[in-house]
Amino acid sequence: MAAITMGLAEAKNNFSKVTAEVNRTGRPVTVLKNNKPWVVIQPASAAAKDDAVDVAIDFMDEYADVFAELAK
């Protein structure tokens, strides 16, 4: 699946259409400013998944010594 990118002006002028398409397809869009990635528009469900992964990683980091002991 190819990455979707667009310039800031295009994203601004078509914001409703862009967000509707992102929500419909689940594919994020990277918005470029001065030809460099600036922001990513993604479905809220994808952001929630990222948050859950961060929580799991933090949990595992916090209890790494316990997991190491259990793995023996």
Protein backbone atom coordinates (compact mmCIF):
# COMPACT_ATOMS: atom_id res chain seq x y z
CA MET A 1 0.00 0.00 0.00
CA ALA A 2 1.54 3.28 -1.10
CA ALA A 3 1.88 6.13 1.35
CA ILE A 4 -0.47 9.04 0.80
CA THR A 5 1.04 12.52 0.98
CA MET A 6 -0.20 15.95 0.04
CA GLY A 7 0.84 19.53 0.42
CA LEU A 8 -0.47 21.72 3.20
CA ALA A 9 -2.49 23.96 0.86
CA GLU A 10 -4.23 20.95 -0.73
CA ALA A 11 -5.01 19.45 2.67
CA LYS A 12 -6.35 22.79 3.90
CA ASN A 13 -8.52 23.35 0.82
CA ASN A 14 -9.94 19.82 0.93
CA PHE A 15 -9.86 19.12 4.67
CA SER A 16 -13.37 17.64 4.88
CA LYS A 17 -12.79 15.37 1.89
CA VAL A 18 -9.36 14.31 3.13
CA THR A 19 -10.59 13.45 6.61
CA ALA A 20 -13.61 11.60 5.25
CA GLU A 21 -11.35 9.51 3.00
CA VAL A 22 -8.94 8.78 5.85
CA ASN A 23 -11.83 7.68 8.03
CA ARG A 24 -13.39 5.58 5.24
CA THR A 25 -10.21 3.77 4.19
CA GLY A 26 -8.25 3.78 7.44
CA ARG A 27 -5.19 4.97 5.52
CA PRO A 28 -3.32 7.91 7.07
CA VAL A 29 -2.28 10.95 5.06
CA THR A 30 1.01 12.73 5.66
CA VAL A 31 0.75 16.47 5.12
CA LEU A 32 3.89 18.13 3.80
CA LYS A 33 5.02 21.67 4.57
CA ASN A 34 7.88 22.94 2.41
CA ASN A 35 8.11 19.39 0.98
CA LYS A 36 8.85 17.90 4.42
CA PRO A 37 6.49 15.75 6.52
CA TRP A 38 4.70 18.04 8.95
CA VAL A 39 1.65 16.22 10.37
CA VAL A 40 -0.19 12.94 9.87
CA ILE A 41 -3.96 12.73 9.62
CA GLN A 42 -5.08 9.30 10.80
CA PRO A 43 -8.30 7.72 12.03
CA ALA A 44 -8.93 8.14 15.76
CA SER A 45 -9.07 4.35 16.12
CA ALA A 46 -5.44 4.14 14.94
CA ALA A 47 -4.39 6.70 17.55
CA ALA A 48 -6.15 4.69 20.26
CA LYS A 49 -4.27 1.55 19.17
CA ASP A 50 -0.97 3.44 19.37
CA ASP A 51 -1.87 4.59 22.89
CA ALA A 52 -2.61 1.00 23.95
CA VAL A 53 0.76 -0.14 22.63
CA ASP A 54 2.51 2.65 24.53
CA VAL A 55 0.74 1.62 27.74
CA ALA A 56 1.77 -2.02 27.23
CA ILE A 57 5.39 -1.05 26.57
CA ASP A 58 5.47 1.17 29.66
CA PHE A 59 4.00 -1.68 31.74
CA MET A 60 6.58 -4.17 30.46
CA ASP A 61 9.41 -1.70 31.06
CA GLU A 62 8.23 -1.04 34.60
CA TYR A 63 8.01 -4.74 35.44
CA ALA A 64 10.95 -6.02 33.36
CA ASP A 65 12.64 -7.46 36.47
CA VAL A 66 9.49 -9.46 37.33
CA PHE A 67 9.24 -10.82 33.79
CA ALA A 68 12.92 -11.76 33.84
CA GLU A 69 12.42 -13.64 37.11
CA LEU A 70 9.36 -15.46 35.77
CA ALA A 71 11.24 -16.45 32.61
CA LYS A 72 13.83 -18.43 34.63
